[in-house]
Amino acid sequence: MFDEILEAVKEHLGNNPQISSAIPADQQDALHREIATHIHEGVTNQTTAQNNSGGLLSMLEGSLASGGTLVSAIEGGLAGKLGSKFGLSPAISGAIAGALPGLIQKFAQKKISGNTTAQ
C-alpha cells in the first residue's frame, strides 16, 4: 500500500504548480516519501484503532465526505514536520497539508476502481 500512496503523492503534488515549484529538486523524493509515510501511518493507525482493516476504503470515503477524523489525523502535524525537516515556508507546508484530502480521495478512488473485479 505504501508504494501506491507514494505514487499518488508524486502525481498529486506534481500536478500542483504552486507546490511543485516551491520544492527544491534535490528534496522532492525525500519530501514525497515523508508525506507518503505520514499518510500511510495515519491510515494504518486509524485502521488499527478502529479494528476495521476490511473497511479501509469505506472509512477513507466517509472521512473525506464528512471532513472526519481520519483526514484530520493525517493532516495533523504534517505542516510543522515538513517545515522543520525540509525548511519549507508555512505557506507551502500548509498548501501541502491542505492538498491531503484531494490526494487521499485520489488514492481511495484508484483503490476502488482497481478492486471492483476482486469483489
PDB file of N, CA and C in Angstrom:
ATOM      1  N   MET A   1       0.822  -1.196   0.000  1.00  0.00           N
ATOM      2  CA  MET A   1       0.000   0.000   0.000  1.00  0.00           C
ATOM      3  C   MET A   1       0.869   1.264   0.000  1.00  0.00           C
ATOM      4  N   PHE A   2       2.046   1.189   0.660  1.00  0.00           N
ATOM      5  CA  PHE A   2       2.892   2.382   0.734  1.00  0.00           C
ATOM      6  C   PHE A   2       3.283   2.877  -0.657  1.00  0.00           C
ATOM      7  N   ASP A   3       3.670   1.947  -1.549  1.00  0.00           N
ATOM      8  CA  ASP A   3       4.089   2.360  -2.897  1.00  0.00           C
ATOM      9  C   ASP A   3       2.954   3.031  -3.657  1.00  0.00           C
ATOM     10  N   GLU A   4       1.744   2.559  -3.455  1.00  0.00           N
ATOM     11  CA  GLU A   4       0.586   3.177  -4.116  1.00  0.00           C
ATOM     12  C   GLU A   4       0.351   4.588  -3.577  1.00  0.00           C
ATOM     13  N   ILE A   5       0.505   4.752  -2.274  1.00  0.00           N
ATOM     14  CA  ILE A   5       0.350   6.080  -1.677  1.00  0.00           C
ATOM     15  C   ILE A   5       1.447   6.995  -2.191  1.00  0.00           C
ATOM     16  N   LEU A   6       2.681   6.494  -2.254  1.00  0.00           N
ATOM     17  CA  LEU A   6       3.808   7.292  -2.740  1.00  0.00           C
ATOM     18  C   LEU A   6       3.560   7.766  -4.173  1.00  0.00           C
ATOM     19  N   GLU A   7       3.095   6.878  -5.031  1.00  0.00           N
ATOM     20  CA  GLU A   7       2.801   7.264  -6.417  1.00  0.00           C
ATOM     21  C   GLU A   7       1.697   8.322  -6.474  1.00  0.00           C
ATOM     22  N   ALA A   8       0.676   8.166  -5.639  1.00  0.00           N
ATOM     23  CA  ALA A   8      -0.410   9.148  -5.598  1.00  0.00           C
ATOM     24  C   ALA A   8       0.109  10.507  -5.126  1.00  0.00           C
ATOM     25  N   VAL A   9       1.022  10.500  -4.145  1.00  0.00           N
ATOM     26  CA  VAL A   9       1.613  11.747  -3.648  1.00  0.00           C
ATOM     27  C   VAL A   9       2.391  12.429  -4.765  1.00  0.00           C
ATOM     28  N   LYS A  10       3.245  11.677  -5.452  1.00  0.00           N
ATOM     29  CA  LYS A  10       4.056  12.246  -6.536  1.00  0.00           C
ATOM     30  C   LYS A  10       3.170  12.842  -7.629  1.00  0.00           C
ATOM     31  N   GLU A  11       2.151  12.109  -8.002  1.00  0.00           N
ATOM     32  CA  GLU A  11       1.241  12.568  -9.061  1.00  0.00           C
ATOM     33  C   GLU A  11       0.477  13.818  -8.632  1.00  0.00           C
ATOM     34  N   HIS A  12      -0.087  13.763  -7.436  1.00  0.00           N
ATOM     35  CA  HIS A  12      -0.931  14.866  -6.974  1.00  0.00           C
ATOM     36  C   HIS A  12      -0.127  16.143  -6.783  1.00  0.00           C
ATOM     37  N   LEU A  13       1.019  16.051  -6.123  1.00  0.00           N
ATOM     38  CA  LEU A  13       1.830  17.247  -5.893  1.00  0.00           C
ATOM     39  C   LEU A  13       2.478  17.730  -7.186  1.00  0.00           C
ATOM     40  N   GLY A  14       2.824  16.806  -8.074  1.00  0.00           N
ATOM     41  CA  GLY A  14       3.389  17.190  -9.360  1.00  0.00           C
ATOM     42  C   GLY A  14       2.411  17.963 -10.220  1.00  0.00           C
ATOM     43  N   ASN A  15       1.130  17.723 -10.024  1.00  0.00           N
ATOM     44  CA  ASN A  15       0.092  18.422 -10.785  1.00  0.00           C
ATOM     45  C   ASN A  15      -0.323  19.738 -10.143  1.00  0.00           C
ATOM     46  N   ASN A  16       0.313  20.110  -9.043  1.00  0.00           N
ATOM     47  CA  ASN A  16       0.014  21.365  -8.362  1.00  0.00           C
ATOM     48  C   ASN A  16       1.219  22.288  -8.498  1.00  0.00           C
ATOM     49  N   PRO A  17       1.186  23.225  -9.461  1.00  0.00           N
ATOM     50  CA  PRO A  17       2.369  24.058  -9.728  1.00  0.00           C
ATOM     51  C   PRO A  17       2.806  24.911  -8.539  1.00  0.00           C
ATOM     52  N   GLN A  18       1.868  25.352  -7.703  1.00  0.00           N
ATOM     53  CA  GLN A  18       2.237  26.160  -6.539  1.00  0.00           C
ATOM     54  C   GLN A  18       3.144  25.367  -5.612  1.00  0.00           C
ATOM     55  N   ILE A  19       2.821  24.117  -5.428  1.00  0.00           N
ATOM     56  CA  ILE A  19       3.606  23.271  -4.527  1.00  0.00           C
ATOM     57  C   ILE A  19       4.863  22.758  -5.209  1.00  0.00           C
ATOM     58  N   SER A  20       4.720  22.205  -6.413  1.00  0.00           N
ATOM     59  CA  SER A  20       5.873  21.580  -7.069  1.00  0.00           C
ATOM     60  C   SER A  20       6.992  22.579  -7.351  1.00  0.00           C
ATOM     61  N   SER A  21       6.648  23.810  -7.655  1.00  0.00           N
ATOM     62  CA  SER A  21       7.692  24.805  -7.943  1.00  0.00           C
ATOM     63  C   SER A  21       8.404  25.280  -6.673  1.00  0.00           C
ATOM     64  N   ALA A  22       7.799  25.072  -5.521  1.00  0.00           N
ATOM     65  CA  ALA A  22       8.384  25.531  -4.261  1.00  0.00           C
ATOM     66  C   ALA A  22       9.271  24.480  -3.590  1.00  0.00           C
ATOM     67  N   ILE A  23       9.260  23.271  -4.117  1.00  0.00           N
ATOM     68  CA  ILE A  23      10.056  22.199  -3.522  1.00  0.00           C
ATOM     69  C   ILE A  23      11.364  22.083  -4.295  1.00  0.00           C
ATOM     70  N   PRO A  24      12.497  22.268  -3.615  1.00  0.00           N
ATOM     71  CA  PRO A  24      13.787  22.118  -4.299  1.00  0.00           C
ATOM     72  C   PRO A  24      13.912  20.720  -4.904  1.00  0.00           C
ATOM     73  N   ALA A  25      14.460  20.638  -6.112  1.00  0.00           N
ATOM     74  CA  ALA A  25      14.557  19.373  -6.838  1.00  0.00           C
ATOM     75  C   ALA A  25      15.281  18.297  -6.037  1.00  0.00           C
ATOM     76  N   ASP A  26      16.314  18.692  -5.284  1.00  0.00           N
ATOM     77  CA  ASP A  26      17.074  17.701  -4.528  1.00  0.00           C
ATOM     78  C   ASP A  26      16.325  17.195  -3.292  1.00  0.00           C
ATOM     79  N   GLN A  27      15.197  17.795  -2.974  1.00  0.00           N
ATOM     80  CA  GLN A  27      14.405  17.367  -1.812  1.00  0.00           C
ATOM     81  C   GLN A  27      13.096  16.689  -2.195  1.00  0.00           C
ATOM     82  N   GLN A  28      12.762  16.676  -3.481  1.00  0.00           N
ATOM     83  CA  GLN A  28      11.458  16.164  -3.892  1.00  0.00           C
ATOM     84  C   GLN A  28      11.225  14.718  -3.474  1.00  0.00           C
ATOM     85  N   ASP A  29      12.172  13.837  -3.740  1.00  0.00           N
ATOM     86  CA  ASP A  29      11.967  12.429  -3.409  1.00  0.00           C
ATOM     87  C   ASP A  29      11.793  12.237  -1.907  1.00  0.00           C
ATOM     88  N   ALA A  30      12.650  12.859  -1.123  1.00  0.00           N
ATOM     89  CA  ALA A  30      12.557  12.736   0.339  1.00  0.00           C
ATOM     90  C   ALA A  30      11.245  13.317   0.857  1.00  0.00           C
ATOM     91  N   LEU A  31      10.814  14.433   0.289  1.00  0.00           N
ATOM     92  CA  LEU A  31       9.559  15.055   0.706  1.00  0.00           C
ATOM     93  C   LEU A  31       8.370  14.163   0.355  1.00  0.00           C
ATOM     94  N   HIS A  32       8.357  13.618  -0.856  1.00  0.00           N
ATOM     95  CA  HIS A  32       7.279  12.716  -1.263  1.00  0.00           C
ATOM     96  C   HIS A  32       7.216  11.514  -0.327  1.00  0.00           C
ATOM     97  N   ARG A  33       8.364  10.966   0.013  1.00  0.00           N
ATOM     98  CA  ARG A  33       8.407   9.811   0.912  1.00  0.00           C
ATOM     99  C   ARG A  33       7.915  10.176   2.316  1.00  0.00           C
ATOM    100  N   GLU A  34       8.264  11.357   2.773  1.00  0.00           N
ATOM    101  CA  GLU A  34       7.826  11.808   4.098  1.00  0.00           C
ATOM    102  C   GLU A  34       6.301  11.936   4.139  1.00  0.00           C
ATOM    103  N   ILE A  35       5.729  12.532   3.110  1.00  0.00           N
ATOM    104  CA  ILE A  35       4.278  12.702   3.052  1.00  0.00           C
ATOM    105  C   ILE A  35       3.587  11.342   2.953  1.00  0.00           C
ATOM    106  N   ALA A  36       4.112  10.470   2.083  1.00  0.00           N
ATOM    107  CA  ALA A  36       3.520   9.139   1.931  1.00  0.00           C
ATOM    108  C   ALA A  36       3.602   8.349   3.236  1.00  0.00           C
ATOM    109  N   THR A  37       4.721   8.481   3.928  1.00  0.00           N
ATOM    110  CA  THR A  37       4.872   7.800   5.216  1.00  0.00           C
ATOM    111  C   THR A  37       3.849   8.323   6.217  1.00  0.00           C
ATOM    112  N   HIS A  38       3.672   9.635   6.234  1.00  0.00           N
ATOM    113  CA  HIS A  38       2.714  10.255   7.153  1.00  0.00           C
ATOM    114  C   HIS A  38       1.292   9.761   6.865  1.00  0.00           C
ATOM    115  N   ILE A  39       0.935   9.718   5.602  1.00  0.00           N
ATOM    116  CA  ILE A  39      -0.408   9.237   5.220  1.00  0.00           C
ATOM    117  C   ILE A  39      -0.549   7.757   5.571  1.00  0.00           C
ATOM    118  N   HIS A  40       0.448   6.968   5.211  1.00  0.00           N
ATOM    119  CA  HIS A  40       0.397   5.522   5.467  1.00  0.00           C
ATOM    120  C   HIS A  40       0.262   5.238   6.958  1.00  0.00           C
ATOM    121  N   GLU A  41       1.052   5.927   7.767  1.00  0.00           N
ATOM    122  CA  GLU A  41       0.964   5.736   9.220  1.00  0.00           C
ATOM    123  C   GLU A  41      -0.386   6.175   9.755  1.00  0.00           C
ATOM    124  N   GLY A  42      -0.899   7.286   9.244  1.00  0.00           N
ATOM    125  CA  GLY A  42      -2.208   7.750   9.685  1.00  0.00           C
ATOM    126  C   GLY A  42      -3.308   6.769   9.349  1.00  0.00           C
ATOM    127  N   VAL A  43      -3.273   6.239   8.139  1.00  0.00           N
ATOM    128  CA  VAL A  43      -4.279   5.259   7.718  1.00  0.00           C
ATOM    129  C   VAL A  43      -4.132   3.981   8.539  1.00  0.00           C
ATOM    130  N   THR A  44      -2.902   3.524   8.710  1.00  0.00           N
ATOM    131  CA  THR A  44      -2.650   2.297   9.466  1.00  0.00           C
ATOM    132  C   THR A  44      -3.073   2.447  10.924  1.00  0.00           C
ATOM    133  N   ASN A  45      -2.717   3.564  11.538  1.00  0.00           N
ATOM    134  CA  ASN A  45      -3.084   3.790  12.938  1.00  0.00           C
ATOM    135  C   ASN A  45      -4.584   3.872  13.119  1.00  0.00           C
ATOM    136  N   GLN A  46      -5.269   4.556  12.220  1.00  0.00           N
ATOM    137  CA  GLN A  46      -6.724   4.668  12.338  1.00  0.00           C
ATOM    138  C   GLN A  46      -7.391   3.312  12.108  1.00  0.00           C
ATOM    139  N   THR A  47      -6.864   2.554  11.160  1.00  0.00           N
ATOM    140  CA  THR A  47      -7.434   1.234  10.887  1.00  0.00           C
ATOM    141  C   THR A  47      -7.254   0.331  12.092  1.00  0.00           C
ATOM    142  N   THR A  48      -6.062   0.344  12.680  1.00  0.00           N
ATOM    143  CA  THR A  48      -5.792  -0.482  13.850  1.00  0.00           C
ATOM    144  C   THR A  48      -6.662  -0.038  15.031  1.00  0.00           C
ATOM    145  N   ALA A  49      -6.762   1.278  15.231  1.00  0.00           N
ATOM    146  CA  ALA A  49      -7.541   1.802  16.345  1.00  0.00           C
ATOM    147  C   ALA A  49      -9.009   1.413  16.229  1.00  0.00           C
ATOM    148  N   GLN A  50      -9.499   1.380  15.015  1.00  0.00           N
ATOM    149  CA  GLN A  50     -10.912   1.046  14.825  1.00  0.00           C
ATOM    150  C   GLN A  50     -11.122  -0.445  14.592  1.00  0.00           C
ATOM    151  N   ASN A  51      -9.998  -1.205  14.504  1.00  0.00           N
ATOM    152  CA  ASN A  51     -10.058  -2.648  14.307  1.00  0.00           C
ATOM    153  C   ASN A  51     -10.944  -3.013  13.129  1.00  0.00           C
ATOM    154  N   ASN A  52     -10.737  -2.304  12.027  1.00  0.00           N
ATOM    155  CA  ASN A  52     -11.616  -2.448  10.869  1.00  0.00           C
ATOM    156  C   ASN A  52     -10.795  -2.455   9.589  1.00  0.00           C
ATOM    157  N   SER A  53      -9.846  -3.351   9.471  1.00  0.00           N
ATOM    158  CA  SER A  53      -8.966  -3.339   8.303  1.00  0.00           C
ATOM    159  C   SER A  53      -9.715  -3.645   7.012  1.00  0.00           C
ATOM    160  N   GLY A  54     -10.806  -4.367   7.067  1.00  0.00           N
ATOM    161  CA  GLY A  54     -11.555  -4.696   5.871  1.00  0.00           C
ATOM    162  C   GLY A  54     -12.305  -3.515   5.292  1.00  0.00           C
ATOM    163  N   GLY A  55     -12.555  -2.494   6.086  1.00  0.00           N
ATOM    164  CA  GLY A  55     -13.337  -1.364   5.615  1.00  0.00           C
ATOM    165  C   GLY A  55     -12.528  -0.106   5.399  1.00  0.00           C
ATOM    166  N   LEU A  56     -11.238  -0.251   5.064  1.00  0.00           N
ATOM    167  CA  LEU A  56     -10.360   0.902   4.923  1.00  0.00           C
ATOM    168  C   LEU A  56     -10.870   1.888   3.883  1.00  0.00           C
ATOM    169  N   LEU A  57     -11.252   1.407   2.719  1.00  0.00           N
ATOM    170  CA  LEU A  57     -11.687   2.331   1.662  1.00  0.00           C
ATOM    171  C   LEU A  57     -12.973   3.039   2.025  1.00  0.00           C
ATOM    172  N   SER A  58     -13.921   2.322   2.614  1.00  0.00           N
ATOM    173  CA  SER A  58     -15.155   2.992   3.002  1.00  0.00           C
ATOM    174  C   SER A  58     -14.902   3.969   4.143  1.00  0.00           C
ATOM    175  N   MET A  59     -13.943   3.648   5.015  1.00  0.00           N
ATOM    176  CA  MET A  59     -13.579   4.574   6.085  1.00  0.00           C
ATOM    177  C   MET A  59     -12.963   5.849   5.493  1.00  0.00           C
ATOM    178  N   LEU A  60     -12.082   5.691   4.494  1.00  0.00           N
ATOM    179  CA  LEU A  60     -11.493   6.858   3.833  1.00  0.00           C
ATOM    180  C   LEU A  60     -12.570   7.710   3.174  1.00  0.00           C
ATOM    181  N   GLU A  61     -13.461   7.057   2.429  1.00  0.00           N
ATOM    182  CA  GLU A  61     -14.522   7.796   1.742  1.00  0.00           C
ATOM    183  C   GLU A  61     -15.415   8.542   2.728  1.00  0.00           C
ATOM    184  N   GLY A  62     -15.802   7.877   3.798  1.00  0.00           N
ATOM    185  CA  GLY A  62     -16.662   8.504   4.798  1.00  0.00           C
ATOM    186  C   GLY A  62     -15.984   9.679   5.475  1.00  0.00           C
ATOM    187  N   SER A  63     -14.707   9.523   5.772  1.00  0.00           N
ATOM    188  CA  SER A  63     -13.960  10.596   6.421  1.00  0.00           C
ATOM    189  C   SER A  63     -13.802  11.793   5.490  1.00  0.00           C
ATOM    190  N   LEU A  64     -13.559  11.522   4.209  1.00  0.00           N
ATOM    191  CA  LEU A  64     -13.433  12.608   3.236  1.00  0.00           C
ATOM    192  C   LEU A  64     -14.752  13.351   3.072  1.00  0.00           C
ATOM    193  N   ALA A  65     -15.833  12.601   3.001  1.00  0.00           N
ATOM    194  CA  ALA A  65     -17.140  13.217   2.794  1.00  0.00           C
ATOM    195  C   ALA A  65     -17.545  14.103   3.964  1.00  0.00           C
ATOM    196  N   SER A  66     -17.141  13.712   5.166  1.00  0.00           N
ATOM    197  CA  SER A  66     -17.594  14.446   6.338  1.00  0.00           C
ATOM    198  C   SER A  66     -16.531  15.356   6.940  1.00  0.00           C
ATOM    199  N   GLY A  67     -15.318  15.357   6.340  1.00  0.00           N
ATOM    200  CA  GLY A  67     -14.226  16.112   6.948  1.00  0.00           C
ATOM    201  C   GLY A  67     -13.853  15.480   8.273  1.00  0.00           C
ATOM    202  N   GLY A  68     -13.944  14.152   8.337  1.00  0.00           N
ATOM    203  CA  GLY A  68     -13.834  13.406   9.581  1.00  0.00           C
ATOM    204  C   GLY A  68     -12.446  13.288  10.163  1.00  0.00           C
ATOM    205  N   THR A  69     -12.396  12.468  11.188  1.00  0.00           N
ATOM    206  CA  THR A  69     -11.189  12.367  11.997  1.00  0.00           C
ATOM    207  C   THR A  69     -10.023  11.726  11.275  1.00  0.00           C
ATOM    208  N   LEU A  70     -10.257  10.831  10.342  1.00  0.00           N
ATOM    209  CA  LEU A  70      -9.143  10.195   9.648  1.00  0.00           C
ATOM    210  C   LEU A  70      -8.322  11.227   8.896  1.00  0.00           C
ATOM    211  N   VAL A  71      -8.974  12.054   8.097  1.00  0.00           N
ATOM    212  CA  VAL A  71      -8.255  13.074   7.337  1.00  0.00           C
ATOM    213  C   VAL A  71      -7.615  14.083   8.278  1.00  0.00           C
ATOM    214  N   SER A  72      -8.332  14.482   9.312  1.00  0.00           N
ATOM    215  CA  SER A  72      -7.768  15.423  10.290  1.00  0.00           C
ATOM    216  C   SER A  72      -6.551  14.841  10.978  1.00  0.00           C
ATOM    217  N   ALA A  73      -6.618  13.570  11.315  1.00  0.00           N
ATOM    218  CA  ALA A  73      -5.490  12.916  11.978  1.00  0.00           C
ATOM    219  C   ALA A  73      -4.279  12.864  11.059  1.00  0.00           C
ATOM    220  N   ILE A  74      -4.508  12.608   9.787  1.00  0.00           N
ATOM    221  CA  ILE A  74      -3.398  12.544   8.839  1.00  0.00           C
ATOM    222  C   ILE A  74      -2.815  13.935   8.615  1.00  0.00           C
ATOM    223  N   GLU A  75      -3.678  14.947   8.497  1.00  0.00           N
ATOM    224  CA  GLU A  75      -3.201  16.320   8.286  1.00  0.00           C
ATOM    225  C   GLU A  75      -2.454  16.846   9.511  1.00  0.00           C
ATOM    226  N   GLY A  76      -2.893  16.442  10.692  1.00  0.00           N
ATOM    227  CA  GLY A  76      -2.356  16.969  11.940  1.00  0.00           C
ATOM    228  C   GLY A  76      -0.856  16.781  12.050  1.00  0.00           C
ATOM    229  N   GLY A  77      -0.153  17.845  12.235  1.00  0.00           N
ATOM    230  CA  GLY A  77       1.285  17.796  12.438  1.00  0.00           C
ATOM    231  C   GLY A  77       2.118  17.744  11.171  1.00  0.00           C
ATOM    232  N   LEU A  78       1.509  17.485  10.027  1.00  0.00           N
ATOM    233  CA  LEU A  78       2.301  17.361   8.805  1.00  0.00           C
ATOM    234  C   LEU A  78       2.953  18.679   8.419  1.00  0.00           C
ATOM    235  N   ALA A  79       2.212  19.771   8.476  1.00  0.00           N
ATOM    236  CA  ALA A  79       2.769  21.066   8.063  1.00  0.00           C
ATOM    237  C   ALA A  79       3.996  21.426   8.895  1.00  0.00           C
ATOM    238  N   GLY A  80       3.898  21.270  10.211  1.00  0.00           N
ATOM    239  CA  GLY A  80       5.031  21.575  11.075  1.00  0.00           C
ATOM    240  C   GLY A  80       6.219  20.667  10.814  1.00  0.00           C
ATOM    241  N   LYS A  81       5.952  19.402  10.578  1.00  0.00           N
ATOM    242  CA  LYS A  81       7.004  18.427  10.309  1.00  0.00           C
ATOM    243  C   LYS A  81       7.732  18.763   9.013  1.00  0.00           C
ATOM    244  N   LEU A  82       6.973  19.126   7.981  1.00  0.00           N
ATOM    245  CA  LEU A  82       7.594  19.474   6.699  1.00  0.00           C
ATOM    246  C   LEU A  82       8.406  20.753   6.815  1.00  0.00           C
ATOM    247  N   GLY A  83       7.885  21.709   7.575  1.00  0.00           N
ATOM    248  CA  GLY A  83       8.607  22.963   7.762  1.00  0.00           C
ATOM    249  C   GLY A  83       9.924  22.760   8.486  1.00  0.00           C
ATOM    250  N   SER A  84       9.895  21.976   9.556  1.00  0.00           N
ATOM    251  CA  SER A  84      11.124  21.784  10.337  1.00  0.00           C
ATOM    252  C   SER A  84      12.117  20.856   9.640  1.00  0.00           C
ATOM    253  N   LYS A  85      11.641  19.820   8.984  1.00  0.00           N
ATOM    254  CA  LYS A  85      12.535  18.840   8.368  1.00  0.00           C
ATOM    255  C   LYS A  85      13.095  19.305   7.022  1.00  0.00           C
ATOM    256  N   PHE A  86      12.275  20.032   6.241  1.00  0.00           N
ATOM    257  CA  PHE A  86      12.686  20.420   4.892  1.00  0.00           C
ATOM    258  C   PHE A  86      12.873  21.919   4.719  1.00  0.00           C
ATOM    259  N   GLY A  87      12.584  22.690   5.759  1.00  0.00           N
ATOM    260  CA  GLY A  87      12.758  24.134   5.682  1.00  0.00           C
ATOM    261  C   GLY A  87      11.749  24.826   4.780  1.00  0.00           C
ATOM    262  N   LEU A  88      10.591  24.210   4.603  1.00  0.00           N
ATOM    263  CA  LEU A  88       9.558  24.805   3.754  1.00  0.00           C
ATOM    264  C   LEU A  88       8.845  25.915   4.514  1.00  0.00           C
ATOM    265  N   SER A  89       8.403  26.900   3.781  1.00  0.00           N
ATOM    266  CA  SER A  89       7.671  28.000   4.404  1.00  0.00           C
ATOM    267  C   SER A  89       6.325  27.495   4.918  1.00  0.00           C
ATOM    268  N   PRO A  90       5.754  28.198   5.909  1.00  0.00           N
ATOM    269  CA  PRO A  90       4.428  27.797   6.396  1.00  0.00           C
ATOM    270  C   PRO A  90       3.370  27.780   5.283  1.00  0.00           C
ATOM    271  N   ALA A  91       3.497  28.679   4.310  1.00  0.00           N
ATOM    272  CA  ALA A  91       2.517  28.711   3.222  1.00  0.00           C
ATOM    273  C   ALA A  91       2.582  27.431   2.386  1.00  0.00           C
ATOM    274  N   ILE A  92       3.785  26.973   2.058  1.00  0.00           N
ATOM    275  CA  ILE A  92       3.928  25.759   1.249  1.00  0.00           C
ATOM    276  C   ILE A  92       3.575  24.524   2.069  1.00  0.00           C
ATOM    277  N   SER A  93       4.039  24.466   3.311  1.00  0.00           N
ATOM    278  CA  SER A  93       3.691  23.335   4.181  1.00  0.00           C
ATOM    279  C   SER A  93       2.181  23.248   4.363  1.00  0.00           C
ATOM    280  N   GLY A  94       1.549  24.390   4.547  1.00  0.00           N
ATOM    281  CA  GLY A  94       0.096  24.435   4.695  1.00  0.00           C
ATOM    282  C   GLY A  94      -0.618  24.023   3.422  1.00  0.00           C
ATOM    283  N   ALA A  95      -0.062  24.437   2.272  1.00  0.00           N
ATOM    284  CA  ALA A  95      -0.668  24.059   0.990  1.00  0.00           C
ATOM    285  C   ALA A  95      -0.578  22.549   0.784  1.00  0.00           C
ATOM    286  N   ILE A  96       0.543  21.959   1.183  1.00  0.00           N
ATOM    287  CA  ILE A  96       0.690  20.502   1.067  1.00  0.00           C
ATOM    288  C   ILE A  96      -0.307  19.806   1.991  1.00  0.00           C
ATOM    289  N   ALA A  97      -0.390  20.244   3.236  1.00  0.00           N
ATOM    290  CA  ALA A  97      -1.349  19.650   4.174  1.00  0.00           C
ATOM    291  C   ALA A  97      -2.775  19.837   3.672  1.00  0.00           C
ATOM    292  N   GLY A  98      -3.055  21.000   3.077  1.00  0.00           N
ATOM    293  CA  GLY A  98      -4.380  21.269   2.530  1.00  0.00           C
ATOM    294  C   GLY A  98      -4.711  20.422   1.316  1.00  0.00           C
ATOM    295  N   ALA A  99      -3.666  19.927   0.632  1.00  0.00           N
ATOM    296  CA  ALA A  99      -3.875  19.078  -0.547  1.00  0.00           C
ATOM    297  C   ALA A  99      -4.158  17.632  -0.170  1.00  0.00           C
ATOM    298  N   LEU A 100      -3.961  17.284   1.096  1.00  0.00           N
ATOM    299  CA  LEU A 100      -4.137  15.888   1.516  1.00  0.00           C
ATOM    300  C   LEU A 100      -5.532  15.321   1.268  1.00  0.00           C
ATOM    301  N   PRO A 101      -6.619  16.045   1.559  1.00  0.00           N
ATOM    302  CA  PRO A 101      -7.929  15.438   1.279  1.00  0.00           C
ATOM    303  C   PRO A 101      -8.094  15.029  -0.184  1.00  0.00           C
ATOM    304  N   GLY A 102      -7.652  15.877  -1.108  1.00  0.00           N
ATOM    305  CA  GLY A 102      -7.733  15.534  -2.526  1.00  0.00           C
ATOM    306  C   GLY A 102      -6.845  14.358  -2.873  1.00  0.00           C
ATOM    307  N   LEU A 103      -5.666  14.321  -2.273  1.00  0.00           N
ATOM    308  CA  LEU A 103      -4.732  13.233  -2.509  1.00  0.00           C
ATOM    309  C   LEU A 103      -5.292  11.916  -1.982  1.00  0.00           C
ATOM    310  N   ILE A 104      -5.839  11.944  -0.782  1.00  0.00           N
ATOM    311  CA  ILE A 104      -6.424  10.738  -0.193  1.00  0.00           C
ATOM    312  C   ILE A 104      -7.625  10.277  -1.015  1.00  0.00           C
ATOM    313  N   GLN A 105      -8.385  11.228  -1.505  1.00  0.00           N
ATOM    314  CA  GLN A 105      -9.537  10.879  -2.337  1.00  0.00           C
ATOM    315  C   GLN A 105      -9.079  10.193  -3.621  1.00  0.00           C
ATOM    316  N   LYS A 106      -8.026  10.711  -4.260  1.00  0.00           N
ATOM    317  CA  LYS A 106      -7.496  10.075  -5.474  1.00  0.00           C
ATOM    318  C   LYS A 106      -7.038   8.652  -5.173  1.00  0.00           C
ATOM    319  N   PHE A 107      -6.332   8.490  -4.051  1.00  0.00           N
ATOM    320  CA  PHE A 107      -5.859   7.169  -3.671  1.00  0.00           C
ATOM    321  C   PHE A 107      -7.039   6.221  -3.456  1.00  0.00           C
ATOM    322  N   ALA A 108      -8.040   6.669  -2.747  1.00  0.00           N
ATOM    323  CA  ALA A 108      -9.212   5.837  -2.476  1.00  0.00           C
ATOM    324  C   ALA A 108      -9.925   5.467  -3.777  1.00  0.00           C
ATOM    325  N   GLN A 109     -10.055   6.420  -4.697  1.00  0.00           N
ATOM    326  CA  GLN A 109     -10.726   6.136  -5.971  1.00  0.00           C
ATOM    327  C   GLN A 109      -9.943   5.127  -6.793  1.00  0.00           C
ATOM    328  N   LYS A 110      -8.604   5.239  -6.793  1.00  0.00           N
ATOM    329  CA  LYS A 110      -7.784   4.272  -7.521  1.00  0.00           C
ATOM    330  C   LYS A 110      -7.961   2.883  -6.932  1.00  0.00           C
ATOM    331  N   LYS A 111      -7.989   2.803  -5.598  1.00  0.00           N
ATOM    332  CA  LYS A 111      -8.149   1.503  -4.944  1.00  0.00           C
ATOM    333  C   LYS A 111      -9.524   0.917  -5.254  1.00  0.00           C
ATOM    334  N   ILE A 112     -10.551   1.751  -5.242  1.00  0.00           N
ATOM    335  CA  ILE A 112     -11.903   1.267  -5.507  1.00  0.00           C
ATOM    336  C   ILE A 112     -12.009   0.776  -6.945  1.00  0.00           C
ATOM    337  N   SER A 113     -11.526   1.575  -7.894  1.00  0.00           N
ATOM    338  CA  SER A 113     -11.628   1.173  -9.298  1.00  0.00           C
ATOM    339  C   SER A 113     -10.752  -0.041  -9.574  1.00  0.00           C
ATOM    340  N   GLY A 114      -9.645  -0.187  -8.851  1.00  0.00           N
ATOM    341  CA  GLY A 114      -8.786  -1.350  -9.019  1.00  0.00           C
ATOM    342  C   GLY A 114      -9.317  -2.599  -8.350  1.00  0.00           C
ATOM    343  N   ASN A 115     -10.230  -2.439  -7.394  1.00  0.00           N
ATOM    344  CA  ASN A 115     -10.739  -3.583  -6.650  1.00  0.00           C
ATOM    345  C   ASN A 115     -12.127  -4.020  -7.066  1.00  0.00           C
ATOM    346  N   THR A 116     -12.712  -3.389  -8.072  1.00  0.00           N
ATOM    347  CA  THR A 116     -14.093  -3.718  -8.431  1.00  0.00           C
ATOM    348  C   THR A 116     -14.217  -5.141  -8.957  1.00  0.00           C
ATOM    349  N   THR A 117     -13.197  -5.654  -9.626  1.00  0.00           N
ATOM    350  CA  THR A 117     -13.299  -7.015 -10.153  1.00  0.00           C
ATOM    351  C   THR A 117     -12.969  -8.045  -9.092  1.00  0.00           C
ATOM    352  N   ALA A 118     -12.308  -7.651  -8.025  1.00  0.00           N
ATOM    353  CA  ALA A 118     -11.900  -8.604  -6.994  1.00  0.00           C
ATOM    354  C   ALA A 118     -13.060  -8.962  -6.064  1.00  0.00           C
ATOM    355  N   GLN A 119     -14.114  -8.226  -6.081  1.00  0.00           N
ATOM    356  CA  GLN A 119     -15.203  -8.493  -5.142  1.00  0.00           C
ATOM    357  C   GLN A 119     -16.329  -9.241  -5.775  1.00  0.00           C
TER     358      GLN A 119
END
